């Protein structure tokens, strides 16, 4: 059972890491992009839309896209650090 929990935590840790990275890159590209129809901005919008959609549903109407991205990034950071802390408390589980 502990082995299954460890494997699930590794998956949660990795996915939250990747989501945090993509969302942070989206924020950088959105800030530096001069053209609103940029292909790179479109790519990051498509990739991060599933991450920001649930947060946008919980935010008040009229919240800016930048604020939604920032709140989502903070939630993902907390999830990433929390999963890493739990993995640290589990220690080295003998998986093999």
PDB file of N, CA and C in Angstrom:
ATOM      1  N   UNK A   1       0.822  -1.199   0.000  1.00  0.00           N
ATOM      2  CA  UNK A   1       0.000   0.000   0.000  1.00  0.00           C
ATOM      3  C   UNK A   1       0.866   1.263   0.000  1.00  0.00           C
ATOM      4  N   UNK A   2       1.942   1.212   0.780  1.00  0.00           N
ATOM      5  CA  UNK A   2       2.857   2.346   0.832  1.00  0.00           C
ATOM      6  C   UNK A   2       3.548   2.555  -0.515  1.00  0.00           C
ATOM      7  N   UNK A   3       3.796   1.446  -1.203  1.00  0.00           N
ATOM      8  CA  UNK A   3       4.417   1.537  -2.518  1.00  0.00           C
ATOM      9  C   UNK A   3       3.475   2.217  -3.523  1.00  0.00           C
ATOM     10  N   UNK A   4       2.192   1.913  -3.452  1.00  0.00           N
ATOM     11  CA  UNK A   4       1.207   2.540  -4.336  1.00  0.00           C
ATOM     12  C   UNK A   4       1.084   4.033  -4.040  1.00  0.00           C
ATOM     13  N   UNK A   5       1.067   4.392  -2.767  1.00  0.00           N
ATOM     14  CA  UNK A   5       1.005   5.805  -2.390  1.00  0.00           C
ATOM     15  C   UNK A   5       2.244   6.548  -2.883  1.00  0.00           C
ATOM     16  N   UNK A   6       3.383   5.918  -2.785  1.00  0.00           N
ATOM     17  CA  UNK A   6       4.622   6.533  -3.260  1.00  0.00           C
ATOM     18  C   UNK A   6       4.576   6.759  -4.759  1.00  0.00           C
ATOM     19  N   UNK A   7       4.127   5.769  -5.494  1.00  0.00           N
ATOM     20  CA  UNK A   7       4.034   5.908  -6.956  1.00  0.00           C
ATOM     21  C   UNK A   7       3.044   6.997  -7.352  1.00  0.00           C
ATOM     22  N   UNK A   8       1.904   7.076  -6.676  1.00  0.00           N
ATOM     23  CA  UNK A   8       0.917   8.125  -6.966  1.00  0.00           C
ATOM     24  C   UNK A   8       1.478   9.510  -6.655  1.00  0.00           C
ATOM     25  N   UNK A   9       2.198   9.611  -5.549  1.00  0.00           N
ATOM     26  CA  UNK A   9       2.816  10.898  -5.204  1.00  0.00           C
ATOM     27  C   UNK A   9       3.880  11.322  -6.210  1.00  0.00           C
ATOM     28  N   UNK A  10       4.620  10.366  -6.726  1.00  0.00           N
ATOM     29  CA  UNK A  10       5.616  10.687  -7.755  1.00  0.00           C
ATOM     30  C   UNK A  10       4.924  11.227  -8.998  1.00  0.00           C
ATOM     31  N   UNK A  11       3.810  10.624  -9.375  1.00  0.00           N
ATOM     32  CA  UNK A  11       3.066  11.093 -10.540  1.00  0.00           C
ATOM     33  C   UNK A  11       2.499  12.487 -10.294  1.00  0.00           C
ATOM     34  N   UNK A  12       1.914  12.708  -9.120  1.00  0.00           N
ATOM     35  CA  UNK A  12       1.373  14.033  -8.793  1.00  0.00           C
ATOM     36  C   UNK A  12       2.486  15.065  -8.767  1.00  0.00           C
ATOM     37  N   UNK A  13       3.622  14.712  -8.182  1.00  0.00           N
ATOM     38  CA  UNK A  13       4.761  15.625  -8.126  1.00  0.00           C
ATOM     39  C   UNK A  13       5.239  15.998  -9.526  1.00  0.00           C
ATOM     40  N   UNK A  14       5.394  15.009 -10.397  1.00  0.00           N
ATOM     41  CA  UNK A  14       5.894  15.265 -11.742  1.00  0.00           C
ATOM     42  C   UNK A  14       4.896  16.088 -12.558  1.00  0.00           C
ATOM     43  N   UNK A  15       3.618  15.740 -12.495  1.00  0.00           N
ATOM     44  CA  UNK A  15       2.619  16.487 -13.260  1.00  0.00           C
ATOM     45  C   UNK A  15       2.485  17.927 -12.772  1.00  0.00           C
ATOM     46  N   UNK A  16       2.543  18.130 -11.474  1.00  0.00           N
ATOM     47  CA  UNK A  16       2.466  19.504 -10.972  1.00  0.00           C
ATOM     48  C   UNK A  16       3.718  20.293 -11.337  1.00  0.00           C
ATOM     49  N   UNK A  17       4.857  19.622 -11.390  1.00  0.00           N
ATOM     50  CA  UNK A  17       6.090  20.280 -11.835  1.00  0.00           C
ATOM     51  C   UNK A  17       5.967  20.725 -13.288  1.00  0.00           C
ATOM     52  N   UNK A  18       5.511  19.844 -14.145  1.00  0.00           N
ATOM     53  CA  UNK A  18       5.374  20.169 -15.568  1.00  0.00           C
ATOM     54  C   UNK A  18       4.324  21.264 -15.781  1.00  0.00           C
ATOM     55  N   UNK A  19       3.220  21.183 -15.064  1.00  0.00           N
ATOM     56  CA  UNK A  19       2.168  22.198 -15.197  1.00  0.00           C
ATOM     57  C   UNK A  19       2.667  23.562 -14.730  1.00  0.00           C
ATOM     58  N   UNK A  20       3.421  23.582 -13.640  1.00  0.00           N
ATOM     59  CA  UNK A  20       3.986  24.832 -13.143  1.00  0.00           C
ATOM     60  C   UNK A  20       4.947  25.428 -14.161  1.00  0.00           C
ATOM     61  N   UNK A  21       5.773  24.586 -14.741  1.00  0.00           N
ATOM     62  CA  UNK A  21       6.735  25.051 -15.731  1.00  0.00           C
ATOM     63  C   UNK A  21       6.032  25.642 -16.957  1.00  0.00           C
ATOM     64  N   UNK A  22       5.043  24.947 -17.486  1.00  0.00           N
ATOM     65  CA  UNK A  22       4.333  25.446 -18.665  1.00  0.00           C
ATOM     66  C   UNK A  22       3.560  26.721 -18.363  1.00  0.00           C
ATOM     67  N   UNK A  23       2.948  26.788 -17.199  1.00  0.00           N
ATOM     68  CA  UNK A  23       2.195  27.994 -16.855  1.00  0.00           C
ATOM     69  C   UNK A  23       3.131  29.184 -16.643  1.00  0.00           C
ATOM     70  N   UNK A  24       4.279  28.963 -16.029  1.00  0.00           N
ATOM     71  CA  UNK A  24       5.249  30.051 -15.858  1.00  0.00           C
ATOM     72  C   UNK A  24       5.771  30.530 -17.213  1.00  0.00           C
ATOM     73  N   UNK A  25       6.037  29.598 -18.116  1.00  0.00           N
ATOM     74  CA  UNK A  25       6.464  29.986 -19.464  1.00  0.00           C
ATOM     75  C   UNK A  25       5.367  30.756 -20.191  1.00  0.00           C
ATOM     76  N   UNK A  26       4.121  30.348 -19.991  1.00  0.00           N
ATOM     77  CA  UNK A  26       3.002  31.074 -20.598  1.00  0.00           C
ATOM     78  C   UNK A  26       2.946  32.506 -20.085  1.00  0.00           C
ATOM     79  N   UNK A  27       3.170  32.690 -18.805  1.00  0.00           N
ATOM     80  CA  UNK A  27       3.145  34.033 -18.238  1.00  0.00           C
ATOM     81  C   UNK A  27       4.280  34.888 -18.805  1.00  0.00           C
ATOM     82  N   UNK A  28       5.455  34.299 -18.978  1.00  0.00           N
ATOM     83  CA  UNK A  28       6.581  35.040 -19.550  1.00  0.00           C
ATOM     84  C   UNK A  28       6.296  35.399 -21.004  1.00  0.00           C
ATOM     85  N   UNK A  29       5.790  34.447 -21.773  1.00  0.00           N
ATOM     86  CA  UNK A  29       5.486  34.707 -23.186  1.00  0.00           C
ATOM     87  C   UNK A  29       4.383  35.748 -23.309  1.00  0.00           C
ATOM     88  N   UNK A  30       3.367  35.686 -22.450  1.00  0.00           N
ATOM     89  CA  UNK A  30       2.276  36.657 -22.510  1.00  0.00           C
ATOM     90  C   UNK A  30       2.786  38.067 -22.199  1.00  0.00           C
ATOM     91  N   UNK A  31       3.751  38.171 -21.315  1.00  0.00           N
ATOM     92  CA  UNK A  31       4.293  39.477 -20.971  1.00  0.00           C
ATOM     93  C   UNK A  31       5.198  40.031 -22.074  1.00  0.00           C
ATOM     94  N   UNK A  32       5.967  39.159 -22.717  1.00  0.00           N
ATOM     95  CA  UNK A  32       6.937  39.610 -23.706  1.00  0.00           C
ATOM     96  C   UNK A  32       6.384  39.674 -25.128  1.00  0.00           C
ATOM     97  N   UNK A  33       5.270  39.038 -25.364  1.00  0.00           N
ATOM     98  CA  UNK A  33       4.714  38.992 -26.717  1.00  0.00           C
ATOM     99  C   UNK A  33       4.135  40.347 -27.109  1.00  0.00           C
ATOM    100  N   UNK A  34       4.499  40.778 -28.294  1.00  0.00           N
ATOM    101  CA  UNK A  34       3.983  42.052 -28.793  1.00  0.00           C
ATOM    102  C   UNK A  34       2.759  41.850 -29.670  1.00  0.00           C
ATOM    103  N   UNK A  35       2.662  40.692 -30.292  1.00  0.00           N
ATOM    104  CA  UNK A  35       1.531  40.405 -31.177  1.00  0.00           C
ATOM    105  C   UNK A  35       0.525  39.524 -30.449  1.00  0.00           C
ATOM    106  N   UNK A  36      -0.724  39.961 -30.345  1.00  0.00           N
ATOM    107  CA  UNK A  36      -1.717  39.140 -29.645  1.00  0.00           C
ATOM    108  C   UNK A  36      -2.079  37.859 -30.393  1.00  0.00           C
ATOM    109  N   UNK A  37      -1.752  37.778 -31.686  1.00  0.00           N
ATOM    110  CA  UNK A  37      -2.048  36.574 -32.462  1.00  0.00           C
ATOM    111  C   UNK A  37      -0.791  35.728 -32.704  1.00  0.00           C
ATOM    112  N   UNK A  38       0.164  35.798 -31.799  1.00  0.00           N
ATOM    113  CA  UNK A  38       1.404  35.049 -31.899  1.00  0.00           C
ATOM    114  C   UNK A  38       1.132  33.544 -31.797  1.00  0.00           C
ATOM    115  N   UNK A  39       1.848  32.766 -32.594  1.00  0.00           N
ATOM    116  CA  UNK A  39       1.680  31.305 -32.539  1.00  0.00           C
ATOM    117  C   UNK A  39       2.171  30.730 -31.213  1.00  0.00           C
ATOM    118  N   UNK A  40       3.218  31.311 -30.684  1.00  0.00           N
ATOM    119  CA  UNK A  40       3.738  30.838 -29.404  1.00  0.00           C
ATOM    120  C   UNK A  40       2.750  31.117 -28.282  1.00  0.00           C
ATOM    121  N   UNK A  41       2.140  32.276 -28.290  1.00  0.00           N
ATOM    122  CA  UNK A  41       1.121  32.603 -27.294  1.00  0.00           C
ATOM    123  C   UNK A  41      -0.090  31.688 -27.455  1.00  0.00           C
ATOM    124  N   UNK A  42      -0.461  31.391 -28.689  1.00  0.00           N
ATOM    125  CA  UNK A  42      -1.566  30.475 -28.943  1.00  0.00           C
ATOM    126  C   UNK A  42      -1.241  29.091 -28.383  1.00  0.00           C
ATOM    127  N   UNK A  43      -0.011  28.606 -28.610  1.00  0.00           N
ATOM    128  CA  UNK A  43       0.397  27.296 -28.118  1.00  0.00           C
ATOM    129  C   UNK A  43       0.259  27.213 -26.602  1.00  0.00           C
ATOM    130  N   UNK A  44       0.798  28.197 -25.895  1.00  0.00           N
ATOM    131  CA  UNK A  44       0.719  28.165 -24.444  1.00  0.00           C
ATOM    132  C   UNK A  44      -0.708  28.341 -23.952  1.00  0.00           C
ATOM    133  N   UNK A  45      -1.525  29.079 -24.679  1.00  0.00           N
ATOM    134  CA  UNK A  45      -2.933  29.219 -24.300  1.00  0.00           C
ATOM    135  C   UNK A  45      -3.660  27.885 -24.403  1.00  0.00           C
ATOM    136  N   UNK A  46      -3.359  27.136 -25.452  1.00  0.00           N
ATOM    137  CA  UNK A  46      -3.988  25.825 -25.631  1.00  0.00           C
ATOM    138  C   UNK A  46      -3.496  24.835 -24.582  1.00  0.00           C
ATOM    139  N   UNK A  47      -2.204  24.856 -24.295  1.00  0.00           N
ATOM    140  CA  UNK A  47      -1.630  23.903 -23.338  1.00  0.00           C
ATOM    141  C   UNK A  47      -2.098  24.186 -21.914  1.00  0.00           C
ATOM    142  N   UNK A  48      -2.189  25.451 -21.535  1.00  0.00           N
ATOM    143  CA  UNK A  48      -2.525  25.781 -20.146  1.00  0.00           C
ATOM    144  C   UNK A  48      -4.013  26.012 -19.905  1.00  0.00           C
ATOM    145  N   UNK A  49      -4.831  25.994 -20.940  1.00  0.00           N
ATOM    146  CA  UNK A  49      -6.276  26.208 -20.751  1.00  0.00           C
ATOM    147  C   UNK A  49      -6.909  25.197 -19.796  1.00  0.00           C
ATOM    148  N   UNK A  50      -6.575  23.892 -19.880  1.00  0.00           N
ATOM    149  CA  UNK A  50      -7.162  22.953 -18.913  1.00  0.00           C
ATOM    150  C   UNK A  50      -6.731  23.215 -17.470  1.00  0.00           C
ATOM    151  N   UNK A  51      -5.621  23.904 -17.281  1.00  0.00           N
ATOM    152  CA  UNK A  51      -5.163  24.219 -15.927  1.00  0.00           C
ATOM    153  C   UNK A  51      -5.894  25.425 -15.360  1.00  0.00           C
ATOM    154  N   UNK A  52      -6.141  26.423 -16.193  1.00  0.00           N
ATOM    155  CA  UNK A  52      -6.735  27.666 -15.703  1.00  0.00           C
ATOM    156  C   UNK A  52      -8.259  27.637 -15.687  1.00  0.00           C
ATOM    157  N   UNK A  53      -8.874  26.753 -16.468  1.00  0.00           N
ATOM    158  CA  UNK A  53     -10.341  26.718 -16.556  1.00  0.00           C
ATOM    159  C   UNK A  53     -11.026  26.465 -15.203  1.00  0.00           C
ATOM    160  N   UNK A  54     -10.594  25.481 -14.405  1.00  0.00           N
ATOM    161  CA  UNK A  54     -11.255  25.277 -13.105  1.00  0.00           C
ATOM    162  C   UNK A  54     -11.063  26.454 -12.148  1.00  0.00           C
ATOM    163  N   UNK A  55      -9.902  27.091 -12.204  1.00  0.00           N
ATOM    164  CA  UNK A  55      -9.648  28.230 -11.326  1.00  0.00           C
ATOM    165  C   UNK A  55     -10.510  29.415 -11.745  1.00  0.00           C
ATOM    166  N   UNK A  56     -10.651  29.617 -13.059  1.00  0.00           N
ATOM    167  CA  UNK A  56     -11.478  30.714 -13.560  1.00  0.00           C
ATOM    168  C   UNK A  56     -12.940  30.543 -13.120  1.00  0.00           C
ATOM    169  N   UNK A  57     -13.394  29.297 -13.036  1.00  0.00           N
ATOM    170  CA  UNK A  57     -14.771  29.043 -12.602  1.00  0.00           C
ATOM    171  C   UNK A  57     -14.970  29.436 -11.140  1.00  0.00           C
ATOM    172  N   UNK A  58     -13.921  29.368 -10.339  1.00  0.00           N
ATOM    173  CA  UNK A  58     -14.020  29.717  -8.916  1.00  0.00           C
ATOM    174  C   UNK A  58     -13.788  31.201  -8.644  1.00  0.00           C
ATOM    175  N   UNK A  59     -13.189  31.905  -9.598  1.00  0.00           N
ATOM    176  CA  UNK A  59     -12.888  33.328  -9.422  1.00  0.00           C
ATOM    177  C   UNK A  59     -14.128  34.168  -9.741  1.00  0.00           C
ATOM    178  N   UNK A  60     -14.216  35.376  -9.186  1.00  0.00           N
ATOM    179  CA  UNK A  60     -15.347  36.249  -9.502  1.00  0.00           C
ATOM    180  C   UNK A  60     -15.348  36.654 -10.975  1.00  0.00           C
ATOM    181  N   UNK A  61     -16.525  36.966 -11.472  1.00  0.00           N
ATOM    182  CA  UNK A  61     -16.650  37.389 -12.872  1.00  0.00           C
ATOM    183  C   UNK A  61     -15.853  38.673 -13.095  1.00  0.00           C
ATOM    184  N   UNK A  62     -15.235  38.765 -14.249  1.00  0.00           N
ATOM    185  CA  UNK A  62     -14.465  39.953 -14.582  1.00  0.00           C
ATOM    186  C   UNK A  62     -13.011  39.904 -14.145  1.00  0.00           C
ATOM    187  N   UNK A  63     -12.572  38.789 -13.584  1.00  0.00           N
ATOM    188  CA  UNK A  63     -11.170  38.662 -13.181  1.00  0.00           C
ATOM    189  C   UNK A  63     -10.302  38.584 -14.432  1.00  0.00           C
ATOM    190  N   UNK A  64      -9.204  39.311 -14.429  1.00  0.00           N
ATOM    191  CA  UNK A  64      -8.331  39.342 -15.601  1.00  0.00           C
ATOM    192  C   UNK A  64      -7.645  37.993 -15.795  1.00  0.00           C
ATOM    193  N   UNK A  65      -7.253  37.747 -17.040  1.00  0.00           N
ATOM    194  CA  UNK A  65      -6.581  36.495 -17.379  1.00  0.00           C
ATOM    195  C   UNK A  65      -5.244  36.376 -16.642  1.00  0.00           C
ATOM    196  N   UNK A  66      -4.550  37.475 -16.482  1.00  0.00           N
ATOM    197  CA  UNK A  66      -3.281  37.451 -15.757  1.00  0.00           C
ATOM    198  C   UNK A  66      -3.452  37.041 -14.305  1.00  0.00           C
ATOM    199  N   UNK A  67      -4.513  37.528 -13.673  1.00  0.00           N
ATOM    200  CA  UNK A  67      -4.787  37.164 -12.274  1.00  0.00           C
ATOM    201  C   UNK A  67      -5.142  35.677 -12.159  1.00  0.00           C
ATOM    202  N   UNK A  68      -5.917  35.181 -13.119  1.00  0.00           N
ATOM    203  CA  UNK A  68      -6.280  33.761 -13.108  1.00  0.00           C
ATOM    204  C   UNK A  68      -5.026  32.904 -13.264  1.00  0.00           C
ATOM    205  N   UNK A  69      -4.130  33.304 -14.165  1.00  0.00           N
ATOM    206  CA  UNK A  69      -2.877  32.563 -14.345  1.00  0.00           C
ATOM    207  C   UNK A  69      -2.025  32.590 -13.077  1.00  0.00           C
ATOM    208  N   UNK A  70      -1.968  33.736 -12.408  1.00  0.00           N
ATOM    209  CA  UNK A  70      -1.166  33.858 -11.194  1.00  0.00           C
ATOM    210  C   UNK A  70      -1.718  32.975 -10.075  1.00  0.00           C
ATOM    211  N   UNK A  71      -3.022  32.984  -9.884  1.00  0.00           N
ATOM    212  CA  UNK A  71      -3.636  32.150  -8.842  1.00  0.00           C
ATOM    213  C   UNK A  71      -3.423  30.674  -9.159  1.00  0.00           C
ATOM    214  N   UNK A  72      -3.574  30.306 -10.435  1.00  0.00           N
ATOM    215  CA  UNK A  72      -3.344  28.921 -10.838  1.00  0.00           C
ATOM    216  C   UNK A  72      -1.897  28.524 -10.587  1.00  0.00           C
ATOM    217  N   UNK A  73      -0.969  29.419 -10.897  1.00  0.00           N
ATOM    218  CA  UNK A  73       0.448  29.128 -10.663  1.00  0.00           C
ATOM    219  C   UNK A  73       0.725  28.918  -9.176  1.00  0.00           C
ATOM    220  N   UNK A  74       0.139  29.736  -8.329  1.00  0.00           N
ATOM    221  CA  UNK A  74       0.337  29.579  -6.880  1.00  0.00           C
ATOM    222  C   UNK A  74      -0.240  28.262  -6.369  1.00  0.00           C
ATOM    223  N   UNK A  75      -1.391  27.868  -6.893  1.00  0.00           N
ATOM    224  CA  UNK A  75      -1.989  26.589  -6.495  1.00  0.00           C
ATOM    225  C   UNK A  75      -1.099  25.433  -6.940  1.00  0.00           C
ATOM    226  N   UNK A  76      -0.612  25.506  -8.174  1.00  0.00           N
ATOM    227  CA  UNK A  76       0.255  24.439  -8.674  1.00  0.00           C
ATOM    228  C   UNK A  76       1.583  24.380  -7.920  1.00  0.00           C
ATOM    229  N   UNK A  77       2.121  25.530  -7.565  1.00  0.00           N
ATOM    230  CA  UNK A  77       3.345  25.551  -6.763  1.00  0.00           C
ATOM    231  C   UNK A  77       3.131  24.902  -5.401  1.00  0.00           C
ATOM    232  N   UNK A  78       1.999  25.210  -4.781  1.00  0.00           N
ATOM    233  CA  UNK A  78       1.698  24.612  -3.479  1.00  0.00           C
ATOM    234  C   UNK A  78       1.540  23.094  -3.602  1.00  0.00           C
ATOM    235  N   UNK A  79       0.892  22.646  -4.671  1.00  0.00           N
ATOM    236  CA  UNK A  79       0.730  21.211  -4.897  1.00  0.00           C
ATOM    237  C   UNK A  79       2.076  20.543  -5.142  1.00  0.00           C
ATOM    238  N   UNK A  80       2.932  21.190  -5.924  1.00  0.00           N
ATOM    239  CA  UNK A  80       4.253  20.649  -6.227  1.00  0.00           C
ATOM    240  C   UNK A  80       5.096  20.533  -4.961  1.00  0.00           C
ATOM    241  N   UNK A  81       5.147  21.586  -4.167  1.00  0.00           N
ATOM    242  CA  UNK A  81       5.942  21.574  -2.941  1.00  0.00           C
ATOM    243  C   UNK A  81       5.344  20.601  -1.924  1.00  0.00           C
ATOM    244  N   UNK A  82       4.024  20.561  -1.830  1.00  0.00           N
ATOM    245  CA  UNK A  82       3.376  19.620  -0.910  1.00  0.00           C
ATOM    246  C   UNK A  82       3.643  18.173  -1.270  1.00  0.00           C
ATOM    247  N   UNK A  83       3.572  17.853  -2.564  1.00  0.00           N
ATOM    248  CA  UNK A  83       3.862  16.482  -2.991  1.00  0.00           C
ATOM    249  C   UNK A  83       5.321  16.133  -2.728  1.00  0.00           C
ATOM    250  N   UNK A  84       6.200  17.089  -2.944  1.00  0.00           N
ATOM    251  CA  UNK A  84       7.623  16.837  -2.692  1.00  0.00           C
ATOM    252  C   UNK A  84       7.889  16.636  -1.202  1.00  0.00           C
ATOM    253  N   UNK A  85       7.216  17.419  -0.369  1.00  0.00           N
ATOM    254  CA  UNK A  85       7.388  17.257   1.079  1.00  0.00           C
ATOM    255  C   UNK A  85       6.874  15.895   1.543  1.00  0.00           C
ATOM    256  N   UNK A  86       5.743  15.464   0.993  1.00  0.00           N
ATOM    257  CA  UNK A  86       5.222  14.147   1.362  1.00  0.00           C
ATOM    258  C   UNK A  86       6.150  13.029   0.887  1.00  0.00           C
ATOM    259  N   UNK A  87       6.729  13.204  -0.289  1.00  0.00           N
ATOM    260  CA  UNK A  87       7.687  12.211  -0.762  1.00  0.00           C
ATOM    261  C   UNK A  87       8.912  12.152   0.153  1.00  0.00           C
ATOM    262  N   UNK A  88       9.308  13.305   0.682  1.00  0.00           N
ATOM    263  CA  UNK A  88      10.434  13.331   1.602  1.00  0.00           C
ATOM    264  C   UNK A  88      10.138  12.627   2.918  1.00  0.00           C
ATOM    265  N   UNK A  89       8.895  12.751   3.374  1.00  0.00           N
ATOM    266  CA  UNK A  89       8.539  12.085   4.624  1.00  0.00           C
ATOM    267  C   UNK A  89       8.399  10.587   4.446  1.00  0.00           C
ATOM    268  N   UNK A  90       8.033  10.144   3.247  1.00  0.00           N
ATOM    269  CA  UNK A  90       7.936   8.706   3.014  1.00  0.00           C
ATOM    270  C   UNK A  90       9.321   8.058   2.981  1.00  0.00           C
ATOM    271  N   UNK A  91      10.307   8.832   2.615  1.00  0.00           N
ATOM    272  CA  UNK A  91      11.656   8.284   2.549  1.00  0.00           C
ATOM    273  C   UNK A  91      11.815   7.400   1.325  1.00  0.00           C
ATOM    274  N   UNK A  92      12.841   6.620   1.338  1.00  0.00           N
ATOM    275  CA  UNK A  92      13.107   5.715   0.210  1.00  0.00           C
ATOM    276  C   UNK A  92      12.289   4.457   0.339  1.00  0.00           C
ATOM    277  N   UNK A  93      11.245   4.377  -0.437  1.00  0.00           N
ATOM    278  CA  UNK A  93      10.426   3.159  -0.454  1.00  0.00           C
ATOM    279  C   UNK A  93      11.068   2.191  -1.427  1.00  0.00           C
ATOM    280  N   UNK A  94      11.220   0.943  -1.003  1.00  0.00           N
ATOM    281  CA  UNK A  94      11.855  -0.046  -1.865  1.00  0.00           C
ATOM    282  C   UNK A  94      10.956  -0.446  -3.006  1.00  0.00           C
ATOM    283  N   UNK A  95      11.110   0.228  -4.141  1.00  0.00           N
ATOM    284  CA  UNK A  95      10.313  -0.101  -5.320  1.00  0.00           C
ATOM    285  C   UNK A  95      11.202  -0.886  -6.254  1.00  0.00           C
ATOM    286  N   UNK A  96      10.712  -2.000  -6.702  1.00  0.00           N
ATOM    287  CA  UNK A  96      11.550  -2.750  -7.609  1.00  0.00           C
ATOM    288  C   UNK A  96      10.915  -3.978  -7.987  1.00  0.00           C
TER     289      UNK A  96
END
